[in-house]
Amino acid sequence: MPPFSLPDLSKLRLVSAIDILAVAILIYNFIVMIRGRRAAHVLNGIWILLAAYLISVYAHLDLLRWLLAGVAPYTAIALIVMFQAEIRRVLARIGRIHFGLGGQLARREVVDDIVPAVQQMAEAKTGVLIVVEREIGLRTFIESGVSLDARVSRDLLCSIFERGGALHDGAVIIQGDRVAAAACFLPLSTNPAIMRRLGTRHRAAIGVTEDTDALAIVVSEETGQISLAVKGTLEPGVTIERVRERLTRHAGGRQARMERTVEPEWRAQS
């Protein structure tokens, strides 16, 4: 057995180092993205099948090797089908990298309309789900609801979520200073870590922020507790001042992105 020797780093070029670093970043982000999701179990199954194939080759298990070799050509198609949600999420995150002027809330006054409405409905324990669009469009979800295209106002939001109203169920989506639609259907998060602990409204808030850069505001109908969802994470039990702060930052666009403040990581709680 030859003695262990260190690799010759003198031949490592800058381009090669950048190439290795880029691949490492992609692999790391992929692992972080699928951690705790169904995709992680699928990958475990793929590794087991790969290990079984290698064992069949070295142990001369011809029948098992033939069976696994016959399945291999269809693996790529199967992976695309099984990982379609994760692939869509990665592409959406890549699409968020831009250099234009951000901020879809055209006027800061919109924040002064949303915040009092959320506070009033939280005190009345009215179920609320408001989604504020940013750079990634939400037209797909807007088309699933009732089109309004009305200026954002406190009275309008409170009337939409009034108990027994025709538009009470579903989400309100805000584009700029307009209420684009109400009673919209949103994708539910399939993260197994939160599926059993959160209700449909909170799972929908997390689901829409997993694939987009939107901000979702949730008010629990049982407790009146206010929660915020951003980038697929839920910040539960926030104060109305925190809602105003996040909405203002969300409206700040480029200025908010240039801030060096690191946001705390929040775990979804019931």
C-alpha atoms as a PDB file:
ATOM      1  CA  MET A   1       0.000   0.000   0.000  1.00  0.00           C
ATOM      2  CA  PRO A   2       1.597   3.312  -1.079  1.00  0.00           C
ATOM      3  CA  PRO A   3       2.237   5.880   1.668  1.00  0.00           C
ATOM      4  CA  PHE A   4      -0.262   8.728   2.030  1.00  0.00           C
ATOM      5  CA  SER A   5       0.837  11.931   0.334  1.00  0.00           C
ATOM      6  CA  LEU A   6      -0.723  15.388   0.207  1.00  0.00           C
ATOM      7  CA  PRO A   7      -2.089  16.542  -3.161  1.00  0.00           C
ATOM      8  CA  ASP A   8       0.026  18.915  -5.204  1.00  0.00           C
ATOM      9  CA  LEU A   9      -1.654  22.302  -4.772  1.00  0.00           C
ATOM     10  CA  SER A  10       0.810  24.092  -7.042  1.00  0.00           C
ATOM     11  CA  LYS A  11      -1.280  23.126 -10.089  1.00  0.00           C
ATOM     12  CA  LEU A  12      -4.482  24.566  -8.607  1.00  0.00           C
ATOM     13  CA  ARG A  13      -5.449  27.607 -10.648  1.00  0.00           C
ATOM     14  CA  LEU A  14      -7.708  30.471  -9.586  1.00  0.00           C
ATOM     15  CA  VAL A  15     -10.371  29.399 -12.066  1.00  0.00           C
ATOM     16  CA  SER A  16     -10.322  25.860 -10.661  1.00  0.00           C
ATOM     17  CA  ALA A  17     -10.656  27.185  -7.105  1.00  0.00           C
ATOM     18  CA  ILE A  18     -13.635  29.328  -8.105  1.00  0.00           C
ATOM     19  CA  ASP A  19     -15.161  26.332  -9.885  1.00  0.00           C
ATOM     20  CA  ILE A  20     -14.810  24.142  -6.788  1.00  0.00           C
ATOM     21  CA  LEU A  21     -16.190  26.883  -4.530  1.00  0.00           C
ATOM     22  CA  ALA A  22     -19.228  27.412  -6.790  1.00  0.00           C
ATOM     23  CA  VAL A  23     -20.028  23.688  -6.812  1.00  0.00           C
ATOM     24  CA  ALA A  24     -19.622  23.517  -3.029  1.00  0.00           C
ATOM     25  CA  ILE A  25     -22.027  26.438  -2.557  1.00  0.00           C
ATOM     26  CA  LEU A  26     -24.608  24.812  -4.832  1.00  0.00           C
ATOM     27  CA  ILE A  27     -24.361  21.493  -2.995  1.00  0.00           C
ATOM     28  CA  TYR A  28     -24.610  23.212   0.396  1.00  0.00           C
ATOM     29  CA  ASN A  29     -27.686  25.223  -0.583  1.00  0.00           C
ATOM     30  CA  PHE A  30     -29.322  22.120  -2.044  1.00  0.00           C
ATOM     31  CA  ILE A  31     -28.760  20.201   1.191  1.00  0.00           C
ATOM     32  CA  VAL A  32     -30.125  23.102   3.263  1.00  0.00           C
ATOM     33  CA  MET A  33     -33.139  23.377   0.965  1.00  0.00           C
ATOM     34  CA  ILE A  34     -34.191  19.718   1.220  1.00  0.00           C
ATOM     35  CA  ARG A  35     -33.340  19.217   4.891  1.00  0.00           C
ATOM     36  CA  GLY A  36     -36.461  18.216   6.786  1.00  0.00           C
ATOM     37  CA  ARG A  37     -38.490  17.665   3.612  1.00  0.00           C
ATOM     38  CA  ARG A  38     -39.694  14.599   1.744  1.00  0.00           C
ATOM     39  CA  ALA A  39     -36.893  15.078  -0.762  1.00  0.00           C
ATOM     40  CA  ALA A  40     -34.348  14.115   1.893  1.00  0.00           C
ATOM     41  CA  HIS A  41     -35.972  10.691   2.280  1.00  0.00           C
ATOM     42  CA  VAL A  42     -36.015  10.265  -1.495  1.00  0.00           C
ATOM     43  CA  LEU A  43     -32.286  10.974  -1.663  1.00  0.00           C
ATOM     44  CA  ASN A  44     -31.672   8.437   1.077  1.00  0.00           C
ATOM     45  CA  GLY A  45     -33.519   5.859  -1.014  1.00  0.00           C
ATOM     46  CA  ILE A  46     -31.409   6.713  -4.062  1.00  0.00           C
ATOM     47  CA  TRP A  47     -28.180   6.270  -2.076  1.00  0.00           C
ATOM     48  CA  ILE A  48     -29.401   2.881  -0.853  1.00  0.00           C
ATOM     49  CA  LEU A  49     -30.156   1.768  -4.416  1.00  0.00           C
ATOM     50  CA  LEU A  50     -26.754   2.993  -5.578  1.00  0.00           C
ATOM     51  CA  ALA A  51     -25.056   1.084  -2.767  1.00  0.00           C
ATOM     52  CA  ALA A  52     -27.064  -2.024  -3.671  1.00  0.00           C
ATOM     53  CA  TYR A  53     -25.938  -1.719  -7.312  1.00  0.00           C
ATOM     54  CA  LEU A  54     -22.260  -1.453  -6.330  1.00  0.00           C
ATOM     55  CA  ILE A  55     -22.600  -4.466  -4.048  1.00  0.00           C
ATOM     56  CA  SER A  56     -24.274  -6.447  -6.850  1.00  0.00           C
ATOM     57  CA  VAL A  57     -21.358  -5.628  -9.186  1.00  0.00           C
ATOM     58  CA  TYR A  58     -18.627  -6.649  -6.775  1.00  0.00           C
ATOM     59  CA  ALA A  59     -20.542  -9.684  -5.443  1.00  0.00           C
ATOM     60  CA  HIS A  60     -21.536 -10.841  -8.966  1.00  0.00           C
ATOM     61  CA  LEU A  61     -25.255 -10.726  -8.180  1.00  0.00           C
ATOM     62  CA  ASP A  62     -26.195 -10.666 -11.846  1.00  0.00           C
ATOM     63  CA  LEU A  63     -29.978 -10.665 -11.470  1.00  0.00           C
ATOM     64  CA  LEU A  64     -29.988  -7.765  -9.005  1.00  0.00           C
ATOM     65  CA  ARG A  65     -27.496  -5.834 -11.133  1.00  0.00           C
ATOM     66  CA  TRP A  66     -29.628  -6.377 -14.242  1.00  0.00           C
ATOM     67  CA  LEU A  67     -32.740  -5.161 -12.445  1.00  0.00           C
ATOM     68  CA  LEU A  68     -31.092  -2.000 -11.081  1.00  0.00           C
ATOM     69  CA  ALA A  69     -29.393  -1.267 -14.410  1.00  0.00           C
ATOM     70  CA  GLY A  70     -32.770  -1.478 -16.124  1.00  0.00           C
ATOM     71  CA  VAL A  71     -34.272   1.069 -13.717  1.00  0.00           C
ATOM     72  CA  ALA A  72     -31.361   3.535 -13.985  1.00  0.00           C
ATOM     73  CA  PRO A  73     -32.337   5.153 -17.359  1.00  0.00           C
ATOM     74  CA  TYR A  74     -35.666   6.286 -15.908  1.00  0.00           C
ATOM     75  CA  THR A  75     -34.102   7.775 -12.784  1.00  0.00           C
ATOM     76  CA  ALA A  76     -33.601  11.239 -14.283  1.00  0.00           C
ATOM     77  CA  ILE A  77     -37.276  11.575 -15.255  1.00  0.00           C
ATOM     78  CA  ALA A  78     -38.365  10.255 -11.862  1.00  0.00           C
ATOM     79  CA  LEU A  79     -36.146  12.780 -10.076  1.00  0.00           C
ATOM     80  CA  ILE A  80     -37.609  15.677 -12.072  1.00  0.00           C
ATOM     81  CA  VAL A  81     -41.136  14.584 -11.166  1.00  0.00           C
ATOM     82  CA  MET A  82     -40.352  14.007  -7.485  1.00  0.00           C
ATOM     83  CA  PHE A  83     -38.237  17.135  -7.041  1.00  0.00           C
ATOM     84  CA  GLN A  84     -40.356  19.535  -9.095  1.00  0.00           C
ATOM     85  CA  ALA A  85     -41.227  21.679  -6.063  1.00  0.00           C
ATOM     86  CA  GLU A  86     -37.587  21.893  -4.977  1.00  0.00           C
ATOM     87  CA  ILE A  87     -36.411  22.695  -8.517  1.00  0.00           C
ATOM     88  CA  ARG A  88     -39.009  25.442  -8.788  1.00  0.00           C
ATOM     89  CA  ARG A  89     -37.870  26.844  -5.450  1.00  0.00           C
ATOM     90  CA  VAL A  90     -34.214  26.933  -6.538  1.00  0.00           C
ATOM     91  CA  LEU A  91     -35.050  28.703  -9.802  1.00  0.00           C
ATOM     92  CA  ALA A  92     -37.186  31.224  -7.925  1.00  0.00           C
ATOM     93  CA  ARG A  93     -34.311  31.965  -5.553  1.00  0.00           C
ATOM     94  CA  ILE A  94     -31.930  32.449  -8.476  1.00  0.00           C
ATOM     95  CA  GLY A  95     -34.443  34.808 -10.049  1.00  0.00           C
ATOM     96  CA  ARG A  96     -34.379  36.990  -6.941  1.00  0.00           C
ATOM     97  CA  ILE A  97     -30.815  38.075  -7.754  1.00  0.00           C
ATOM     98  CA  HIS A  98     -31.198  41.386  -9.545  1.00  0.00           C
ATOM     99  CA  PHE A  99     -29.827  44.884  -9.653  1.00  0.00           C
ATOM    100  CA  GLY A 100     -32.955  46.908 -10.309  1.00  0.00           C
ATOM    101  CA  LEU A 101     -34.867  49.187  -7.992  1.00  0.00           C
ATOM    102  CA  GLY A 102     -37.087  47.099  -5.715  1.00  0.00           C
ATOM    103  CA  GLY A 103     -40.050  47.800  -3.518  1.00  0.00           C
ATOM    104  CA  GLN A 104     -43.495  46.893  -4.739  1.00  0.00           C
ATOM    105  CA  LEU A 105     -45.262  48.982  -2.133  1.00  0.00           C
ATOM    106  CA  ALA A 106     -45.298  52.170  -4.153  1.00  0.00           C
ATOM    107  CA  ARG A 107     -46.314  54.342  -1.227  1.00  0.00           C
ATOM    108  CA  ARG A 108     -45.301  54.076   2.407  1.00  0.00           C
ATOM    109  CA  GLU A 109     -48.826  55.209   3.312  1.00  0.00           C
ATOM    110  CA  VAL A 110     -50.007  51.709   2.471  1.00  0.00           C
ATOM    111  CA  VAL A 111     -48.270  50.478   5.619  1.00  0.00           C
ATOM    112  CA  ASP A 112     -50.391  52.899   7.644  1.00  0.00           C
ATOM    113  CA  ASP A 113     -53.496  51.256   6.171  1.00  0.00           C
ATOM    114  CA  ILE A 114     -52.420  47.651   6.692  1.00  0.00           C
ATOM    115  CA  VAL A 115     -51.100  47.930  10.260  1.00  0.00           C
ATOM    116  CA  PRO A 116     -54.264  49.353  11.913  1.00  0.00           C
ATOM    117  CA  ALA A 117     -56.404  46.811  10.053  1.00  0.00           C
ATOM    118  CA  VAL A 118     -54.244  43.928  11.298  1.00  0.00           C
ATOM    119  CA  GLN A 119     -54.338  45.308  14.847  1.00  0.00           C
ATOM    120  CA  GLN A 120     -58.113  45.692  14.804  1.00  0.00           C
ATOM    121  CA  MET A 121     -58.683  42.179  13.467  1.00  0.00           C
ATOM    122  CA  ALA A 122     -56.179  40.673  15.918  1.00  0.00           C
ATOM    123  CA  GLU A 123     -58.049  42.263  18.827  1.00  0.00           C
ATOM    124  CA  ALA A 124     -61.308  40.840  17.443  1.00  0.00           C
ATOM    125  CA  LYS A 125     -59.672  37.414  16.829  1.00  0.00           C
ATOM    126  CA  THR A 126     -60.546  37.514  13.157  1.00  0.00           C
ATOM    127  CA  GLY A 127     -58.683  35.075  10.914  1.00  0.00           C
ATOM    128  CA  VAL A 128     -56.445  36.966   8.497  1.00  0.00           C
ATOM    129  CA  LEU A 129     -53.995  36.070   5.726  1.00  0.00           C
ATOM    130  CA  ILE A 130     -52.483  39.006   3.839  1.00  0.00           C
ATOM    131  CA  VAL A 131     -49.706  38.520   1.281  1.00  0.00           C
ATOM    132  CA  VAL A 132     -47.668  41.517   0.107  1.00  0.00           C
ATOM    133  CA  GLU A 133     -45.977  41.052  -3.266  1.00  0.00           C
ATOM    134  CA  ARG A 134     -42.430  42.167  -3.909  1.00  0.00           C
ATOM    135  CA  GLU A 135     -40.260  41.350  -6.959  1.00  0.00           C
ATOM    136  CA  ILE A 136     -41.557  37.868  -7.768  1.00  0.00           C
ATOM    137  CA  GLY A 137     -45.042  38.123  -9.267  1.00  0.00           C
ATOM    138  CA  LEU A 138     -48.032  36.418  -7.666  1.00  0.00           C
ATOM    139  CA  ARG A 139     -50.324  36.448 -10.706  1.00  0.00           C
ATOM    140  CA  THR A 140     -50.868  32.684 -10.547  1.00  0.00           C
ATOM    141  CA  PHE A 141     -52.343  33.012  -7.061  1.00  0.00           C
ATOM    142  CA  ILE A 142     -54.222  36.209  -7.890  1.00  0.00           C
ATOM    143  CA  GLU A 143     -56.064  34.448 -10.704  1.00  0.00           C
ATOM    144  CA  SER A 144     -57.249  31.784  -8.251  1.00  0.00           C
ATOM    145  CA  GLY A 145     -59.195  34.353  -6.223  1.00  0.00           C
ATOM    146  CA  VAL A 146     -61.711  37.142  -6.739  1.00  0.00           C
ATOM    147  CA  SER A 147     -60.231  40.118  -8.591  1.00  0.00           C
ATOM    148  CA  LEU A 148     -60.701  43.459  -6.807  1.00  0.00           C
ATOM    149  CA  ASP A 149     -58.020  45.934  -7.985  1.00  0.00           C
ATOM    150  CA  ALA A 150     -58.993  48.380  -5.256  1.00  0.00           C
ATOM    151  CA  ARG A 151     -56.862  50.832  -3.306  1.00  0.00           C
ATOM    152  CA  VAL A 152     -55.613  49.472   0.003  1.00  0.00           C
ATOM    153  CA  SER A 153     -57.544  50.818   2.965  1.00  0.00           C
ATOM    154  CA  ARG A 154     -58.193  49.793   6.543  1.00  0.00           C
ATOM    155  CA  ASP A 155     -61.939  49.531   6.036  1.00  0.00           C
ATOM    156  CA  LEU A 156     -61.578  47.411   2.907  1.00  0.00           C
ATOM    157  CA  LEU A 157     -59.297  44.869   4.590  1.00  0.00           C
ATOM    158  CA  CYS A 158     -61.526  44.612   7.653  1.00  0.00           C
ATOM    159  CA  SER A 159     -64.628  44.125   5.522  1.00  0.00           C
ATOM    160  CA  ILE A 160     -62.969  41.396   3.421  1.00  0.00           C
ATOM    161  CA  PHE A 161     -62.081  39.301   6.474  1.00  0.00           C
ATOM    162  CA  GLU A 162     -65.341  39.926   8.339  1.00  0.00           C
ATOM    163  CA  ARG A 163     -66.761  36.659   9.660  1.00  0.00           C
ATOM    164  CA  GLY A 164     -69.425  35.180   7.439  1.00  0.00           C
ATOM    165  CA  GLY A 165     -68.359  37.251   4.444  1.00  0.00           C
ATOM    166  CA  ALA A 166     -68.056  35.737   0.996  1.00  0.00           C
ATOM    167  CA  LEU A 167     -64.324  36.590   0.827  1.00  0.00           C
ATOM    168  CA  HIS A 168     -63.392  35.647   4.388  1.00  0.00           C
ATOM    169  CA  ASP A 169     -61.679  32.381   3.474  1.00  0.00           C
ATOM    170  CA  GLY A 170     -58.474  32.528   1.501  1.00  0.00           C
ATOM    171  CA  ALA A 171     -55.763  35.159   1.196  1.00  0.00           C
ATOM    172  CA  VAL A 172     -55.698  38.812   0.220  1.00  0.00           C
ATOM    173  CA  ILE A 173     -52.847  39.693  -2.148  1.00  0.00           C
ATOM    174  CA  ILE A 174     -51.552  43.266  -2.250  1.00  0.00           C
ATOM    175  CA  GLN A 175     -49.661  44.618  -5.256  1.00  0.00           C
ATOM    176  CA  GLY A 176     -48.185  48.065  -4.785  1.00  0.00           C
ATOM    177  CA  ASP A 177     -50.929  50.182  -3.243  1.00  0.00           C
ATOM    178  CA  ARG A 178     -53.752  48.000  -4.605  1.00  0.00           C
ATOM    179  CA  VAL A 179     -55.623  45.005  -3.256  1.00  0.00           C
ATOM    180  CA  ALA A 180     -55.256  42.796  -6.328  1.00  0.00           C
ATOM    181  CA  ALA A 181     -57.541  39.950  -5.225  1.00  0.00           C
ATOM    182  CA  ALA A 182     -59.183  38.260  -2.253  1.00  0.00           C
ATOM    183  CA  ALA A 183     -60.152  34.681  -1.400  1.00  0.00           C
ATOM    184  CA  CYS A 184     -56.989  33.456  -3.147  1.00  0.00           C
ATOM    185  CA  PHE A 185     -55.762  29.882  -2.865  1.00  0.00           C
ATOM    186  CA  LEU A 186     -52.122  29.479  -1.817  1.00  0.00           C
ATOM    187  CA  PRO A 187     -49.841  26.408  -1.838  1.00  0.00           C
ATOM    188  CA  LEU A 188     -49.566  24.709   1.531  1.00  0.00           C
ATOM    189  CA  SER A 189     -46.105  24.024   2.905  1.00  0.00           C
ATOM    190  CA  THR A 190     -45.278  20.322   2.870  1.00  0.00           C
ATOM    191  CA  ASN A 191     -42.501  20.615   5.438  1.00  0.00           C
ATOM    192  CA  PRO A 192     -43.131  17.636   7.766  1.00  0.00           C
ATOM    193  CA  ALA A 193     -41.695  19.568  10.704  1.00  0.00           C
ATOM    194  CA  ILE A 194     -44.652  21.964  10.719  1.00  0.00           C
ATOM    195  CA  MET A 195     -47.519  20.084   9.072  1.00  0.00           C
ATOM    196  CA  ARG A 196     -48.918  18.728  12.342  1.00  0.00           C
ATOM    197  CA  ARG A 197     -48.325  21.819  14.448  1.00  0.00           C
ATOM    198  CA  LEU A 198     -49.838  24.553  12.287  1.00  0.00           C
ATOM    199  CA  GLY A 199     -53.222  25.191  10.760  1.00  0.00           C
ATOM    200  CA  THR A 200     -54.046  25.673   7.099  1.00  0.00           C
ATOM    201  CA  ARG A 201     -53.754  29.457   7.208  1.00  0.00           C
ATOM    202  CA  HIS A 202     -50.229  29.394   8.654  1.00  0.00           C
ATOM    203  CA  ARG A 203     -49.102  26.599   6.312  1.00  0.00           C
ATOM    204  CA  ALA A 204     -50.364  28.614   3.347  1.00  0.00           C
ATOM    205  CA  ALA A 205     -48.403  31.667   4.537  1.00  0.00           C
ATOM    206  CA  ILE A 206     -45.227  29.610   4.746  1.00  0.00           C
ATOM    207  CA  GLY A 207     -45.949  27.877   1.432  1.00  0.00           C
ATOM    208  CA  VAL A 208     -46.266  31.077  -0.603  1.00  0.00           C
ATOM    209  CA  THR A 209     -43.067  32.521   0.908  1.00  0.00           C
ATOM    210  CA  GLU A 210     -41.099  29.351   0.168  1.00  0.00           C
ATOM    211  CA  ASP A 211     -41.370  29.965  -3.578  1.00  0.00           C
ATOM    212  CA  THR A 212     -41.515  33.783  -3.621  1.00  0.00           C
ATOM    213  CA  ASP A 213     -40.049  36.803  -1.838  1.00  0.00           C
ATOM    214  CA  ALA A 214     -43.455  37.915  -0.589  1.00  0.00           C
ATOM    215  CA  LEU A 215     -44.286  38.832   3.005  1.00  0.00           C
ATOM    216  CA  ALA A 216     -47.298  37.108   4.599  1.00  0.00           C
ATOM    217  CA  ILE A 217     -49.194  38.354   7.652  1.00  0.00           C
ATOM    218  CA  VAL A 218     -51.323  35.865   9.575  1.00  0.00           C
ATOM    219  CA  VAL A 219     -53.781  36.413  12.416  1.00  0.00           C
ATOM    220  CA  SER A 220     -54.968  33.327  14.267  1.00  0.00           C
ATOM    221  CA  GLU A 221     -58.727  32.999  14.529  1.00  0.00           C
ATOM    222  CA  GLU A 222     -58.402  31.042  17.791  1.00  0.00           C
ATOM    223  CA  THR A 223     -55.942  33.222  19.719  1.00  0.00           C
ATOM    224  CA  GLY A 224     -55.688  36.503  17.795  1.00  0.00           C
ATOM    225  CA  GLN A 225     -51.909  35.999  17.659  1.00  0.00           C
ATOM    226  CA  ILE A 226     -50.094  37.741  14.800  1.00  0.00           C
ATOM    227  CA  SER A 227     -47.411  35.888  12.831  1.00  0.00           C
ATOM    228  CA  LEU A 228     -45.145  36.864   9.948  1.00  0.00           C
ATOM    229  CA  ALA A 229     -43.871  34.532   7.218  1.00  0.00           C
ATOM    230  CA  VAL A 230     -40.815  35.380   5.129  1.00  0.00           C
ATOM    231  CA  LYS A 231     -38.590  33.095   3.027  1.00  0.00           C
ATOM    232  CA  GLY A 232     -40.380  29.985   4.190  1.00  0.00           C
ATOM    233  CA  THR A 233     -39.962  30.700   7.912  1.00  0.00           C
ATOM    234  CA  LEU A 234     -42.602  31.736  10.424  1.00  0.00           C
ATOM    235  CA  GLU A 235     -42.120  34.340  13.127  1.00  0.00           C
ATOM    236  CA  PRO A 236     -44.970  33.759  15.586  1.00  0.00           C
ATOM    237  CA  GLY A 237     -46.412  36.006  18.269  1.00  0.00           C
ATOM    238  CA  VAL A 238     -45.128  39.320  16.905  1.00  0.00           C
ATOM    239  CA  THR A 239     -46.216  42.733  18.106  1.00  0.00           C
ATOM    240  CA  ILE A 240     -47.950  45.268  15.904  1.00  0.00           C
ATOM    241  CA  GLU A 241     -44.760  47.365  16.016  1.00  0.00           C
ATOM    242  CA  ARG A 242     -42.882  44.408  14.550  1.00  0.00           C
ATOM    243  CA  VAL A 243     -45.452  44.154  11.755  1.00  0.00           C
ATOM    244  CA  ARG A 244     -44.968  47.829  10.938  1.00  0.00           C
ATOM    245  CA  GLU A 245     -41.189  47.416  10.963  1.00  0.00           C
ATOM    246  CA  ARG A 246     -41.232  44.444   8.593  1.00  0.00           C
ATOM    247  CA  LEU A 247     -43.743  46.057   6.248  1.00  0.00           C
ATOM    248  CA  THR A 248     -41.674  49.240   6.117  1.00  0.00           C
ATOM    249  CA  ARG A 249     -38.536  47.250   5.388  1.00  0.00           C
ATOM    250  CA  HIS A 250     -40.440  45.192   2.813  1.00  0.00           C
ATOM    251  CA  ALA A 251     -41.510  48.429   1.133  1.00  0.00           C
ATOM    252  CA  GLY A 252     -37.978  49.799   1.220  1.00  0.00           C
ATOM    253  CA  GLY A 253     -36.827  47.740  -1.734  1.00  0.00           C
ATOM    254  CA  ARG A 254     -33.215  48.365  -2.587  1.00  0.00           C
ATOM    255  CA  GLN A 255     -32.523  50.322   0.582  1.00  0.00           C
ATOM    256  CA  ALA A 256     -33.719  47.437   2.732  1.00  0.00           C
ATOM    257  CA  ARG A 257     -31.592  44.940   0.812  1.00  0.00           C
ATOM    258  CA  MET A 258     -28.509  47.098   1.323  1.00  0.00           C
ATOM    259  CA  GLU A 259     -28.881  46.958   5.090  1.00  0.00           C
ATOM    260  CA  ARG A 260     -26.326  44.689   6.744  1.00  0.00           C
ATOM    261  CA  THR A 261     -28.619  43.689   9.572  1.00  0.00           C
ATOM    262  CA  VAL A 262     -28.806  39.909   9.894  1.00  0.00           C
ATOM    263  CA  GLU A 263     -32.310  38.642  10.446  1.00  0.00           C
ATOM    264  CA  PRO A 264     -32.742  36.084  13.230  1.00  0.00           C
ATOM    265  CA  GLU A 265     -33.763  32.572  12.273  1.00  0.00           C
ATOM    266  CA  TRP A 266     -37.238  31.707  13.458  1.00  0.00           C
ATOM    267  CA  ARG A 267     -38.626  28.248  13.842  1.00  0.00           C
ATOM    268  CA  ALA A 268     -42.233  27.583  13.003  1.00  0.00           C
ATOM    269  CA  GLN A 269     -44.273  27.149  16.116  1.00  0.00           C
ATOM    270  CA  SER A 270     -47.885  26.426  16.714  1.00  0.00           C
END
